[in-house]
Protein backbone atom coordinates (compact mmCIF):
# COMPACT_ATOMS: atom_id res chain seq x y z
CA MET A 1 -25.78 -37.33 1.01
CA ALA A 2 -23.91 -36.67 -2.24
CA GLU A 3 -20.54 -38.27 -2.75
CA LYS A 4 -17.59 -35.88 -2.54
CA PRO A 5 -16.36 -35.09 -6.06
CA VAL A 6 -12.95 -36.39 -7.09
CA THR A 7 -10.46 -33.53 -7.09
CA ILE A 8 -7.83 -33.26 -9.79
CA LEU A 9 -4.89 -30.88 -9.97
CA TYR A 10 -3.79 -30.20 -13.54
CA VAL A 11 -0.23 -28.87 -13.66
CA GLU A 12 0.18 -27.36 -17.13
CA ASP A 13 1.83 -24.16 -18.33
CA ASN A 14 -0.36 -23.90 -21.47
CA PHE A 15 -3.51 -21.95 -20.63
CA GLU A 16 -5.55 -23.35 -23.56
CA ASN A 17 -4.75 -26.92 -22.55
CA ARG A 18 -5.88 -26.18 -18.98
CA ILE A 19 -9.19 -24.74 -20.22
CA LEU A 20 -9.90 -27.74 -22.47
CA VAL A 21 -9.11 -30.36 -19.83
CA ARG A 22 -11.01 -28.45 -17.12
CA ARG A 23 -14.13 -28.24 -19.31
CA VAL A 24 -14.01 -31.93 -20.17
CA LEU A 25 -13.40 -33.12 -16.60
CA GLU A 26 -15.80 -30.72 -14.88
CA SER A 27 -18.53 -31.87 -17.28
CA GLU A 28 -17.82 -35.40 -15.99
CA GLY A 29 -18.24 -34.28 -12.36
CA TYR A 30 -14.61 -33.82 -11.31
CA GLN A 31 -13.54 -30.82 -9.27
CA MET A 32 -10.57 -29.17 -10.98
CA PHE A 33 -7.67 -27.14 -9.65
CA GLU A 34 -4.94 -25.77 -11.87
CA ALA A 35 -1.34 -24.68 -11.66
CA GLY A 36 0.80 -23.15 -14.38
CA THR A 37 4.09 -23.42 -12.47
CA ALA A 38 5.78 -25.72 -9.97
CA ASN A 39 5.34 -23.19 -7.14
CA LYS A 40 1.62 -22.87 -7.88
CA ALA A 41 1.38 -26.67 -7.95
CA PHE A 42 2.77 -26.92 -4.41
CA GLU A 43 0.38 -24.17 -3.24
CA GLN A 44 -2.59 -26.03 -4.75
CA ILE A 45 -1.52 -29.37 -3.26
CA GLU A 46 -1.21 -27.84 0.21
CA LYS A 47 -4.51 -26.00 -0.08
CA ASN A 48 -6.65 -28.65 -1.78
CA LEU A 49 -4.90 -32.06 -1.39
CA PRO A 50 -6.06 -33.51 -4.72
CA ASP A 51 -7.14 -37.09 -5.31
CA LEU A 52 -5.05 -37.19 -8.50
CA ILE A 53 -2.53 -34.98 -10.32
CA LEU A 54 -2.20 -34.61 -14.08
CA MET A 55 1.40 -33.51 -14.64
CA ASP A 56 2.67 -31.78 -17.76
CA ILE A 57 6.29 -32.84 -18.27
CA ASN A 58 7.57 -29.86 -20.27
CA MET A 59 7.23 -26.89 -17.93
CA PRO A 60 9.31 -23.70 -18.02
CA ASP A 61 10.33 -23.35 -14.35
CA MET A 62 10.76 -26.99 -13.31
CA ASP A 63 10.11 -30.01 -15.49
CA GLY A 64 7.40 -32.45 -14.53
CA TYR A 65 9.89 -35.22 -13.73
CA THR A 66 11.58 -33.09 -11.07
CA LEU A 67 8.29 -31.77 -9.72
CA THR A 68 6.87 -35.29 -9.48
CA ALA A 69 9.93 -36.50 -7.58
CA LYS A 70 9.66 -33.55 -5.15
CA ILE A 71 5.96 -34.22 -4.54
CA LYS A 72 6.58 -37.93 -3.94
CA GLU A 73 9.36 -37.10 -1.43
CA ASN A 74 6.72 -35.72 0.94
CA PRO A 75 5.07 -38.57 2.88
CA ALA A 76 1.79 -36.61 3.02
CA TYR A 77 1.60 -36.58 -0.80
CA ARG A 78 3.33 -39.85 -1.68
CA ASN A 79 0.09 -41.74 -2.33
CA ILE A 80 -1.49 -39.18 -4.64
CA PRO A 81 -1.48 -40.75 -8.12
CA ILE A 82 0.44 -38.58 -10.59
CA ILE A 83 -0.15 -39.07 -14.29
CA ALA A 84 2.35 -37.66 -16.76
CA VAL A 85 0.71 -35.77 -19.60
CA THR A 86 3.21 -35.22 -22.35
CA ALA A 87 3.98 -34.93 -26.02
CA ASN A 88 7.27 -36.75 -25.29
CA VAL A 89 6.60 -40.03 -27.03
CA MET A 90 10.11 -41.10 -27.86
CA ARG A 91 11.43 -44.47 -26.75
CA GLY A 92 12.14 -44.29 -23.01
CA ASP A 93 9.94 -41.26 -22.23
CA LYS A 94 7.22 -43.35 -20.59
CA GLU A 95 9.83 -45.21 -18.54
CA ARG A 96 11.44 -41.94 -17.50
CA SER A 97 8.05 -40.67 -16.28
CA LEU A 98 7.50 -43.83 -14.25
CA GLU A 99 11.04 -43.69 -12.82
CA ALA A 100 10.39 -40.10 -11.67
CA GLY A 101 7.43 -41.38 -9.66
CA CYS A 102 4.53 -40.96 -12.06
CA ASP A 103 1.87 -43.63 -11.71
CA GLY A 104 0.79 -43.42 -15.32
CA TYR A 105 1.26 -41.75 -18.66
CA ILE A 106 -1.16 -39.97 -21.03
CA GLN A 107 0.08 -38.93 -24.43
CA LYS A 108 -0.57 -35.49 -25.95
CA PRO A 109 -2.53 -34.45 -27.82
CA ILE A 110 -5.00 -35.60 -25.19
CA ASP A 111 -7.82 -37.73 -26.54
CA ILE A 112 -10.73 -36.15 -24.67
CA ASP A 113 -12.99 -39.07 -25.59
CA ILE A 114 -10.97 -41.45 -23.41
CA LEU A 115 -9.47 -39.03 -20.84
CA THR A 116 -12.04 -39.81 -18.13
CA GLU A 117 -11.60 -43.55 -18.72
CA GLN A 118 -7.80 -43.21 -18.38
CA ILE A 119 -8.13 -41.19 -15.16
CA GLU A 120 -10.52 -43.71 -13.62
CA ARG A 121 -8.22 -46.59 -14.54
CA TYR A 122 -5.27 -44.89 -12.79
CA ARG A 123 -7.37 -43.96 -9.77
CA LYS A 124 -8.58 -47.56 -9.33
CA LYS A 125 -5.04 -48.88 -9.80
CA ALA A 126 -3.74 -46.48 -7.12
CA HIS A 127 -6.40 -47.60 -4.63
CA SER A 128 -6.04 -51.33 -5.22
């Protein structure tokens, strides 16, 4: 029996970024779900309960820090690893992501050559 694919929700308002990441991760065997807004993210989480969430920080309706905190407030979703994906690389941005409840941090532009490796590292860390 085949192993169930790892499901990833990518919360990102930029359509081109979603296409690129989906192509890369689906080619590696991940099952992808996407959301361009905070409301869509909650719908996807309820419908598909992802194994991991990639969270854009700069979103138009609700920033990724706030959305992460709201997701982590729900006991049913608290253990889903959330990885901040952001171009915010100023001093303190990584710490702010972690304080909001993110389990990790990936810098934009995303290096697609190491994206899968980063995701696996955060997944293993979350399950250890």
